[in-house]
PDB file of N, CA and C in Angstrom:
ATOM      1  N   UNK A   1       0.852  -1.178   0.000  1.00  0.00           N
ATOM      2  CA  UNK A   1       0.000   0.000   0.000  1.00  0.00           C
ATOM      3  C   UNK A   1       0.889   1.229   0.000  1.00  0.00           C
ATOM      4  N   UNK A   2       0.700   2.083  -0.992  1.00  0.00           N
ATOM      5  CA  UNK A   2       1.470   3.326  -1.107  1.00  0.00           C
ATOM      6  C   UNK A   2       0.538   4.497  -0.827  1.00  0.00           C
ATOM      7  N   UNK A   3       0.576   4.988   0.397  1.00  0.00           N
ATOM      8  CA  UNK A   3      -0.305   6.077   0.805  1.00  0.00           C
ATOM      9  C   UNK A   3       0.553   7.174   1.440  1.00  0.00           C
ATOM     10  N   UNK A   4       0.331   8.433   1.060  1.00  0.00           N
ATOM     11  CA  UNK A   4       1.110   9.523   1.646  1.00  0.00           C
ATOM     12  C   UNK A   4       1.027   9.551   3.172  1.00  0.00           C
ATOM     13  N   UNK A   5       2.116  10.021   3.791  1.00  0.00           N
ATOM     14  CA  UNK A   5       2.212  10.007   5.249  1.00  0.00           C
ATOM     15  C   UNK A   5       1.508  11.173   5.928  1.00  0.00           C
ATOM     16  N   UNK A   6       0.816  12.029   5.177  1.00  0.00           N
ATOM     17  CA  UNK A   6       0.195  13.211   5.787  1.00  0.00           C
ATOM     18  C   UNK A   6      -1.188  12.930   6.372  1.00  0.00           C
ATOM     19  N   UNK A   7      -1.541  11.658   6.539  1.00  0.00           N
ATOM     20  CA  UNK A   7      -2.835  11.304   7.110  1.00  0.00           C
ATOM     21  C   UNK A   7      -2.703  11.004   8.592  1.00  0.00           C
ATOM     22  N   UNK A   8      -3.686  11.429   9.369  1.00  0.00           N
ATOM     23  CA  UNK A   8      -3.733  11.135  10.798  1.00  0.00           C
ATOM     24  C   UNK A   8      -4.141   9.681  11.002  1.00  0.00           C
ATOM     25  N   UNK A   9      -5.082   9.201  10.156  1.00  0.00           N
ATOM     26  CA  UNK A   9      -5.546   7.820  10.255  1.00  0.00           C
ATOM     27  C   UNK A   9      -6.050   7.345   8.900  1.00  0.00           C
ATOM     28  N   UNK A  10      -5.901   6.046   8.663  1.00  0.00           N
ATOM     29  CA  UNK A  10      -6.458   5.386   7.486  1.00  0.00           C
ATOM     30  C   UNK A  10      -7.239   4.176   7.972  1.00  0.00           C
ATOM     31  N   UNK A  11      -8.487   4.056   7.524  1.00  0.00           N
ATOM     32  CA  UNK A  11      -9.294   2.898   7.892  1.00  0.00           C
ATOM     33  C   UNK A  11      -9.832   2.247   6.634  1.00  0.00           C
ATOM     34  N   UNK A  12      -9.863   0.940   6.644  1.00  0.00           N
ATOM     35  CA  UNK A  12     -10.313   0.173   5.483  1.00  0.00           C
ATOM     36  C   UNK A  12     -11.814   0.315   5.321  1.00  0.00           C
ATOM     37  N   UNK A  13     -12.253   0.706   4.128  1.00  0.00           N
ATOM     38  CA  UNK A  13     -13.687   0.817   3.826  1.00  0.00           C
ATOM     39  C   UNK A  13     -14.154  -0.424   3.080  1.00  0.00           C
ATOM     40  N   UNK A  14     -13.496  -0.748   1.970  1.00  0.00           N
ATOM     41  CA  UNK A  14     -13.852  -1.910   1.169  1.00  0.00           C
ATOM     42  C   UNK A  14     -12.795  -2.111   0.095  1.00  0.00           C
ATOM     43  N   UNK A  15     -12.552  -3.358  -0.254  1.00  0.00           N
ATOM     44  CA  UNK A  15     -11.640  -3.728  -1.334  1.00  0.00           C
ATOM     45  C   UNK A  15     -10.395  -2.849  -1.308  1.00  0.00           C
ATOM     46  N   UNK A  16     -10.293  -1.878  -2.205  1.00  0.00           N
ATOM     47  CA  UNK A  16      -9.091  -1.045  -2.295  1.00  0.00           C
ATOM     48  C   UNK A  16      -9.368   0.409  -1.940  1.00  0.00           C
ATOM     49  N   UNK A  17     -10.381   0.643  -1.120  1.00  0.00           N
ATOM     50  CA  UNK A  17     -10.774   2.000  -0.723  1.00  0.00           C
ATOM     51  C   UNK A  17     -10.495   2.180   0.775  1.00  0.00           C
ATOM     52  N   UNK A  18      -9.869   3.303   1.103  1.00  0.00           N
ATOM     53  CA  UNK A  18      -9.559   3.635   2.489  1.00  0.00           C
ATOM     54  C   UNK A  18     -10.176   4.978   2.846  1.00  0.00           C
ATOM     55  N   UNK A  19     -10.681   5.090   4.076  1.00  0.00           N
ATOM     56  CA  UNK A  19     -11.121   6.394   4.574  1.00  0.00           C
ATOM     57  C   UNK A  19      -9.883   7.073   5.149  1.00  0.00           C
ATOM     58  N   UNK A  20      -9.594   8.269   4.649  1.00  0.00           N
ATOM     59  CA  UNK A  20      -8.411   9.018   5.055  1.00  0.00           C
ATOM     60  C   UNK A  20      -8.820  10.182   5.946  1.00  0.00           C
ATOM     61  N   UNK A  21      -8.162  10.286   7.086  1.00  0.00           N
ATOM     62  CA  UNK A  21      -8.421  11.384   8.013  1.00  0.00           C
ATOM     63  C   UNK A  21      -7.178  12.257   8.114  1.00  0.00           C
ATOM     64  N   UNK A  22      -7.372  13.559   7.945  1.00  0.00           N
ATOM     65  CA  UNK A  22      -6.296  14.530   8.135  1.00  0.00           C
ATOM     66  C   UNK A  22      -6.756  15.504   9.214  1.00  0.00           C
ATOM     67  N   UNK A  23      -5.937  16.484   9.501  1.00  0.00           N
ATOM     68  CA  UNK A  23      -6.335  17.505  10.466  1.00  0.00           C
ATOM     69  C   UNK A  23      -7.462  18.380   9.920  1.00  0.00           C
ATOM     70  N   UNK A  24      -7.665  18.386   8.589  1.00  0.00           N
ATOM     71  CA  UNK A  24      -8.709  19.205   7.968  1.00  0.00           C
ATOM     72  C   UNK A  24     -10.044  18.479   7.847  1.00  0.00           C
ATOM     73  N   UNK A  25     -10.036  17.140   7.803  1.00  0.00           N
ATOM     74  CA  UNK A  25     -11.280  16.404   7.642  1.00  0.00           C
ATOM     75  C   UNK A  25     -11.059  14.987   7.157  1.00  0.00           C
ATOM     76  N   UNK A  26     -12.133  14.395   6.601  1.00  0.00           N
ATOM     77  CA  UNK A  26     -12.065  13.024   6.102  1.00  0.00           C
ATOM     78  C   UNK A  26     -12.378  12.991   4.616  1.00  0.00           C
ATOM     79  N   UNK A  27     -11.857  11.957   3.951  1.00  0.00           N
ATOM     80  CA  UNK A  27     -12.092  11.732   2.537  1.00  0.00           C
ATOM     81  C   UNK A  27     -11.837  10.277   2.219  1.00  0.00           C
ATOM     82  N   UNK A  28     -11.700   9.953   0.941  1.00  0.00           N
ATOM     83  CA  UNK A  28     -11.423   8.588   0.509  1.00  0.00           C
ATOM     84  C   UNK A  28     -10.208   8.569  -0.405  1.00  0.00           C
ATOM     85  N   UNK A  29      -9.356   7.555  -0.230  1.00  0.00           N
ATOM     86  CA  UNK A  29      -8.209   7.329  -1.105  1.00  0.00           C
ATOM     87  C   UNK A  29      -8.212   5.862  -1.514  1.00  0.00           C
ATOM     88  N   UNK A  30      -7.491   5.555  -2.593  1.00  0.00           N
ATOM     89  CA  UNK A  30      -7.345   4.147  -2.944  1.00  0.00           C
ATOM     90  C   UNK A  30      -5.996   3.653  -2.438  1.00  0.00           C
ATOM     91  N   UNK A  31      -5.745   2.360  -2.565  1.00  0.00           N
ATOM     92  CA  UNK A  31      -4.519   1.783  -2.012  1.00  0.00           C
ATOM     93  C   UNK A  31      -3.273   2.160  -2.810  1.00  0.00           C
ATOM     94  N   UNK A  32      -3.438   2.785  -3.971  1.00  0.00           N
ATOM     95  CA  UNK A  32      -2.295   3.298  -4.732  1.00  0.00           C
ATOM     96  C   UNK A  32      -1.877   4.656  -4.173  1.00  0.00           C
ATOM     97  N   UNK A  33      -2.794   5.305  -3.469  1.00  0.00           N
ATOM     98  CA  UNK A  33      -2.522   6.623  -2.903  1.00  0.00           C
ATOM     99  C   UNK A  33      -3.231   7.742  -3.621  1.00  0.00           C
ATOM    100  N   UNK A  34      -4.037   7.411  -4.631  1.00  0.00           N
ATOM    101  CA  UNK A  34      -4.798   8.441  -5.347  1.00  0.00           C
ATOM    102  C   UNK A  34      -5.982   8.908  -4.512  1.00  0.00           C
ATOM    103  N   UNK A  35      -6.213  10.207  -4.491  1.00  0.00           N
ATOM    104  CA  UNK A  35      -7.342  10.780  -3.769  1.00  0.00           C
ATOM    105  C   UNK A  35      -8.610  10.602  -4.594  1.00  0.00           C
ATOM    106  N   UNK A  36      -9.616  10.001  -3.995  1.00  0.00           N
ATOM    107  CA  UNK A  36     -10.922   9.841  -4.638  1.00  0.00           C
ATOM    108  C   UNK A  36     -11.877  10.940  -4.188  1.00  0.00           C
ATOM    109  N   UNK A  37     -11.914  11.194  -2.906  1.00  0.00           N
ATOM    110  CA  UNK A  37     -12.689  12.282  -2.296  1.00  0.00           C
ATOM    111  C   UNK A  37     -11.698  13.029  -1.401  1.00  0.00           C
ATOM    112  N   UNK A  38     -11.460  14.308  -1.629  1.00  0.00           N
ATOM    113  CA  UNK A  38     -10.449  15.017  -0.824  1.00  0.00           C
ATOM    114  C   UNK A  38     -10.816  15.020   0.660  1.00  0.00           C
ATOM    115  N   UNK A  39      -9.824  14.894   1.534  1.00  0.00           N
ATOM    116  CA  UNK A  39     -10.085  14.822   2.978  1.00  0.00           C
ATOM    117  C   UNK A  39     -10.343  16.196   3.597  1.00  0.00           C
ATOM    118  N   UNK A  40     -11.451  16.803   3.183  1.00  0.00           N
ATOM    119  CA  UNK A  40     -11.801  18.149   3.663  1.00  0.00           C
ATOM    120  C   UNK A  40     -13.188  18.173   4.291  1.00  0.00           C
ATOM    121  N   UNK A  41     -13.850  17.030   4.344  1.00  0.00           N
ATOM    122  CA  UNK A  41     -15.237  16.985   4.783  1.00  0.00           C
ATOM    123  C   UNK A  41     -15.343  16.544   6.243  1.00  0.00           C
ATOM    124  N   UNK A  42     -16.453  16.894   6.872  1.00  0.00           N
ATOM    125  CA  UNK A  42     -16.706  16.469   8.250  1.00  0.00           C
ATOM    126  C   UNK A  42     -17.164  15.019   8.300  1.00  0.00           C
ATOM    127  N   UNK A  43     -17.795  14.578   7.210  1.00  0.00           N
ATOM    128  CA  UNK A  43     -18.325  13.208   7.154  1.00  0.00           C
ATOM    129  C   UNK A  43     -18.325  12.736   5.709  1.00  0.00           C
ATOM    130  N   UNK A  44     -18.017  11.446   5.521  1.00  0.00           N
ATOM    131  CA  UNK A  44     -18.064  10.832   4.196  1.00  0.00           C
ATOM    132  C   UNK A  44     -18.764   9.488   4.325  1.00  0.00           C
ATOM    133  N   UNK A  45     -19.772   9.267   3.493  1.00  0.00           N
ATOM    134  CA  UNK A  45     -20.508   7.998   3.481  1.00  0.00           C
ATOM    135  C   UNK A  45     -20.480   7.450   2.064  1.00  0.00           C
ATOM    136  N   UNK A  46     -19.920   6.242   1.904  1.00  0.00           N
ATOM    137  CA  UNK A  46     -19.738   5.660   0.580  1.00  0.00           C
ATOM    138  C   UNK A  46     -20.284   4.243   0.564  1.00  0.00           C
ATOM    139  N   UNK A  47     -20.915   3.858  -0.548  1.00  0.00           N
ATOM    140  CA  UNK A  47     -21.423   2.507  -0.718  1.00  0.00           C
ATOM    141  C   UNK A  47     -20.599   1.787  -1.777  1.00  0.00           C
ATOM    142  N   UNK A  48     -20.290   0.528  -1.524  1.00  0.00           N
ATOM    143  CA  UNK A  48     -19.488  -0.281  -2.443  1.00  0.00           C
ATOM    144  C   UNK A  48     -20.094  -0.255  -3.838  1.00  0.00           C
ATOM    145  N   UNK A  49     -19.235  -0.085  -4.839  1.00  0.00           N
ATOM    146  CA  UNK A  49     -19.662  -0.098  -6.234  1.00  0.00           C
ATOM    147  C   UNK A  49     -20.014   1.262  -6.796  1.00  0.00           C
ATOM    148  N   UNK A  50     -20.086   2.268  -5.955  1.00  0.00           N
ATOM    149  CA  UNK A  50     -20.431   3.608  -6.430  1.00  0.00           C
ATOM    150  C   UNK A  50     -19.174   4.446  -6.596  1.00  0.00           C
ATOM    151  N   UNK A  51     -19.209   5.362  -7.552  1.00  0.00           N
ATOM    152  CA  UNK A  51     -18.052   6.225  -7.802  1.00  0.00           C
ATOM    153  C   UNK A  51     -18.295   7.636  -7.269  1.00  0.00           C
ATOM    154  N   UNK A  52     -19.079   7.711  -6.210  1.00  0.00           N
ATOM    155  CA  UNK A  52     -19.338   8.980  -5.531  1.00  0.00           C
ATOM    156  C   UNK A  52     -19.647   8.690  -4.072  1.00  0.00           C
ATOM    157  N   UNK A  53     -19.658   9.737  -3.270  1.00  0.00           N
ATOM    158  CA  UNK A  53     -19.956   9.592  -1.848  1.00  0.00           C
ATOM    159  C   UNK A  53     -20.844  10.739  -1.394  1.00  0.00           C
ATOM    160  N   UNK A  54     -21.651  10.469  -0.384  1.00  0.00           N
ATOM    161  CA  UNK A  54     -22.380  11.531   0.302  1.00  0.00           C
ATOM    162  C   UNK A  54     -21.400  12.151   1.279  1.00  0.00           C
ATOM    163  N   UNK A  55     -21.265  13.464   1.222  1.00  0.00           N
ATOM    164  CA  UNK A  55     -20.319  14.159   2.092  1.00  0.00           C
ATOM    165  C   UNK A  55     -21.059  15.180   2.944  1.00  0.00           C
ATOM    166  N   UNK A  56     -20.523  15.439   4.102  1.00  0.00           N
ATOM    167  CA  UNK A  56     -21.101  16.429   4.995  1.00  0.00           C
ATOM    168  C   UNK A  56     -20.082  17.494   5.336  1.00  0.00           C
ATOM    169  N   UNK A  57     -20.528  18.736   5.266  1.00  0.00           N
ATOM    170  CA  UNK A  57     -19.679  19.864   5.627  1.00  0.00           C
ATOM    171  C   UNK A  57     -20.578  20.996   6.120  1.00  0.00           C
ATOM    172  N   UNK A  58     -20.197  21.602   7.220  1.00  0.00           N
ATOM    173  CA  UNK A  58     -20.958  22.705   7.815  1.00  0.00           C
ATOM    174  C   UNK A  58     -22.438  22.353   7.989  1.00  0.00           C
ATOM    175  N   UNK A  59     -22.708  21.151   8.491  1.00  0.00           N
ATOM    176  CA  UNK A  59     -24.061  20.652   8.785  1.00  0.00           C
ATOM    177  C   UNK A  59     -24.957  20.529   7.555  1.00  0.00           C
ATOM    178  N   UNK A  60     -24.380  20.456   6.379  1.00  0.00           N
ATOM    179  CA  UNK A  60     -25.131  20.242   5.145  1.00  0.00           C
ATOM    180  C   UNK A  60     -24.545  19.041   4.413  1.00  0.00           C
ATOM    181  N   UNK A  61     -25.346  18.430   3.536  1.00  0.00           N
ATOM    182  CA  UNK A  61     -24.903  17.271   2.773  1.00  0.00           C
ATOM    183  C   UNK A  61     -24.904  17.557   1.285  1.00  0.00           C
ATOM    184  N   UNK A  62     -24.039  16.841   0.581  1.00  0.00           N
ATOM    185  CA  UNK A  62     -23.981  16.902  -0.871  1.00  0.00           C
ATOM    186  C   UNK A  62     -23.433  15.587  -1.396  1.00  0.00           C
ATOM    187  N   UNK A  63     -23.304  15.490  -2.718  1.00  0.00           N
ATOM    188  CA  UNK A  63     -22.743  14.305  -3.369  1.00  0.00           C
ATOM    189  C   UNK A  63     -21.517  14.745  -4.152  1.00  0.00           C
ATOM    190  N   UNK A  64     -20.381  14.106  -3.885  1.00  0.00           N
ATOM    191  CA  UNK A  64     -19.112  14.435  -4.520  1.00  0.00           C
ATOM    192  C   UNK A  64     -18.606  13.184  -5.219  1.00  0.00           C
ATOM    193  N   UNK A  65     -18.201  13.293  -6.511  1.00  0.00           N
ATOM    194  CA  UNK A  65     -17.763  12.090  -7.226  1.00  0.00           C
ATOM    195  C   UNK A  65     -16.244  11.912  -7.173  1.00  0.00           C
ATOM    196  N   UNK A  66     -15.780  10.746  -7.629  1.00  0.00           N
ATOM    197  CA  UNK A  66     -14.362  10.404  -7.573  1.00  0.00           C
ATOM    198  C   UNK A  66     -13.519  11.183  -8.580  1.00  0.00           C
ATOM    199  N   UNK A  67     -14.150  11.980  -9.434  1.00  0.00           N
ATOM    200  CA  UNK A  67     -13.427  12.827 -10.381  1.00  0.00           C
ATOM    201  C   UNK A  67     -13.260  14.257  -9.871  1.00  0.00           C
ATOM    202  N   UNK A  68     -13.718  14.509  -8.646  1.00  0.00           N
ATOM    203  CA  UNK A  68     -13.571  15.839  -8.059  1.00  0.00           C
ATOM    204  C   UNK A  68     -14.683  16.806  -8.382  1.00  0.00           C
ATOM    205  N   UNK A  69     -15.846  16.275  -8.753  1.00  0.00           N
ATOM    206  CA  UNK A  69     -16.978  17.130  -9.122  1.00  0.00           C
ATOM    207  C   UNK A  69     -18.122  17.009  -8.116  1.00  0.00           C
ATOM    208  N   UNK A  70     -18.807  18.113  -7.914  1.00  0.00           N
ATOM    209  CA  UNK A  70     -20.043  18.084  -7.132  1.00  0.00           C
ATOM    210  C   UNK A  70     -21.163  17.586  -8.039  1.00  0.00           C
ATOM    211  N   UNK A  71     -21.810  16.486  -7.675  1.00  0.00           N
ATOM    212  CA  UNK A  71     -23.019  16.047  -8.376  1.00  0.00           C
ATOM    213  C   UNK A  71     -24.225  16.757  -7.784  1.00  0.00           C
ATOM    214  N   UNK A  72     -24.182  16.960  -6.474  1.00  0.00           N
ATOM    215  CA  UNK A  72     -25.185  17.752  -5.743  1.00  0.00           C
ATOM    216  C   UNK A  72     -24.393  18.592  -4.745  1.00  0.00           C
ATOM    217  N   UNK A  73     -24.487  19.921  -4.802  1.00  0.00           N
ATOM    218  CA  UNK A  73     -23.724  20.749  -3.867  1.00  0.00           C
ATOM    219  C   UNK A  73     -24.180  20.539  -2.424  1.00  0.00           C
ATOM    220  N   UNK A  74     -23.277  20.760  -1.494  1.00  0.00           N
ATOM    221  CA  UNK A  74     -23.563  20.566  -0.072  1.00  0.00           C
ATOM    222  C   UNK A  74     -24.383  21.732   0.475  1.00  0.00           C
ATOM    223  N   UNK A  75     -25.659  21.756   0.080  1.00  0.00           N
ATOM    224  CA  UNK A  75     -26.573  22.826   0.480  1.00  0.00           C
ATOM    225  C   UNK A  75     -27.807  22.291   1.196  1.00  0.00           C
ATOM    226  N   UNK A  76     -27.885  20.974   1.400  1.00  0.00           N
ATOM    227  CA  UNK A  76     -29.119  20.340   1.844  1.00  0.00           C
ATOM    228  C   UNK A  76     -28.958  19.646   3.187  1.00  0.00           C
ATOM    229  N   UNK A  77     -30.082  19.523   3.902  1.00  0.00           N
ATOM    230  CA  UNK A  77     -30.075  18.829   5.187  1.00  0.00           C
ATOM    231  C   UNK A  77     -29.840  17.332   5.007  1.00  0.00           C
ATOM    232  N   UNK A  78     -30.376  16.751   3.942  1.00  0.00           N
ATOM    233  CA  UNK A  78     -30.165  15.338   3.624  1.00  0.00           C
ATOM    234  C   UNK A  78     -30.124  15.157   2.113  1.00  0.00           C
ATOM    235  N   UNK A  79     -29.257  14.261   1.668  1.00  0.00           N
ATOM    236  CA  UNK A  79     -29.173  13.902   0.253  1.00  0.00           C
ATOM    237  C   UNK A  79     -29.073  12.384   0.169  1.00  0.00           C
ATOM    238  N   UNK A  80     -29.863  11.787  -0.713  1.00  0.00           N
ATOM    239  CA  UNK A  80     -29.830  10.332  -0.906  1.00  0.00           C
ATOM    240  C   UNK A  80     -29.798  10.040  -2.396  1.00  0.00           C
ATOM    241  N   UNK A  81     -29.068   8.980  -2.759  1.00  0.00           N
ATOM    242  CA  UNK A  81     -29.000   8.550  -4.154  1.00  0.00           C
ATOM    243  C   UNK A  81     -29.975   7.412  -4.375  1.00  0.00           C
ATOM    244  N   UNK A  82     -30.544   7.364  -5.565  1.00  0.00           N
ATOM    245  CA  UNK A  82     -31.411   6.247  -5.928  1.00  0.00           C
ATOM    246  C   UNK A  82     -30.546   5.037  -6.261  1.00  0.00           C
ATOM    247  N   UNK A  83     -31.161   3.909  -6.446  1.00  0.00           N
ATOM    248  CA  UNK A  83     -30.416   2.700  -6.785  1.00  0.00           C
ATOM    249  C   UNK A  83     -29.817   2.777  -8.186  1.00  0.00           C
ATOM    250  N   UNK A  84     -30.320   3.672  -9.029  1.00  0.00           N
ATOM    251  CA  UNK A  84     -29.797   3.796 -10.394  1.00  0.00           C
ATOM    252  C   UNK A  84     -28.576   4.711 -10.487  1.00  0.00           C
ATOM    253  N   UNK A  85     -28.228   5.396  -9.411  1.00  0.00           N
ATOM    254  CA  UNK A  85     -27.096   6.333  -9.366  1.00  0.00           C
ATOM    255  C   UNK A  85     -27.273   7.568 -10.235  1.00  0.00           C
ATOM    256  N   UNK A  86     -28.429   7.745 -10.839  1.00  0.00           N
ATOM    257  CA  UNK A  86     -28.613   8.919 -11.694  1.00  0.00           C
ATOM    258  C   UNK A  86     -29.690   9.861 -11.170  1.00  0.00           C
ATOM    259  N   UNK A  87     -30.292   9.509 -10.051  1.00  0.00           N
ATOM    260  CA  UNK A  87     -31.343  10.325  -9.461  1.00  0.00           C
ATOM    261  C   UNK A  87     -31.007  10.543  -7.994  1.00  0.00           C
ATOM    262  N   UNK A  88     -31.064  11.809  -7.556  1.00  0.00           N
ATOM    263  CA  UNK A  88     -30.742  12.150  -6.179  1.00  0.00           C
ATOM    264  C   UNK A  88     -31.930  12.830  -5.527  1.00  0.00           C
ATOM    265  N   UNK A  89     -32.164  12.507  -4.273  1.00  0.00           N
ATOM    266  CA  UNK A  89     -33.244  13.095  -3.501  1.00  0.00           C
ATOM    267  C   UNK A  89     -32.648  14.039  -2.474  1.00  0.00           C
ATOM    268  N   UNK A  90     -33.166  15.268  -2.387  1.00  0.00           N
ATOM    269  CA  UNK A  90     -32.677  16.232  -1.428  1.00  0.00           C
ATOM    270  C   UNK A  90     -33.799  16.677  -0.514  1.00  0.00           C
ATOM    271  N   UNK A  91     -33.432  16.957   0.744  1.00  0.00           N
ATOM    272  CA  UNK A  91     -34.408  17.367   1.744  1.00  0.00           C
ATOM    273  C   UNK A  91     -33.848  18.565   2.502  1.00  0.00           C
ATOM    274  N   UNK A  92     -34.628  19.600   2.620  1.00  0.00           N
ATOM    275  CA  UNK A  92     -34.335  20.719   3.505  1.00  0.00           C
ATOM    276  C   UNK A  92     -35.460  20.791   4.521  1.00  0.00           C
ATOM    277  N   UNK A  93     -35.085  20.874   5.774  1.00  0.00           N
ATOM    278  CA  UNK A  93     -36.108  20.899   6.833  1.00  0.00           C
ATOM    279  C   UNK A  93     -36.300  22.289   7.371  1.00  0.00           C
TER     280      UNK A  93
END
């Protein structure tokens, strides 16, 4: 496993995906050391087989993909993906 030493902690998520914790936040990296989700979020929730994660920052949720793009900006109280990965549900309370 080749992972940069600037992480406070690395925890195994699945297969070749690791949750990376830095002093700035949490994200996801692969076992080669490539950043999938930058470690800047307060919370990251990822499901096996998906190329994006639900992220939390400043008490809001969004969807961030492994290419560094926002699929849904972190402006909502809750965000959920459908089983097809092409439809997202957002909730503001």
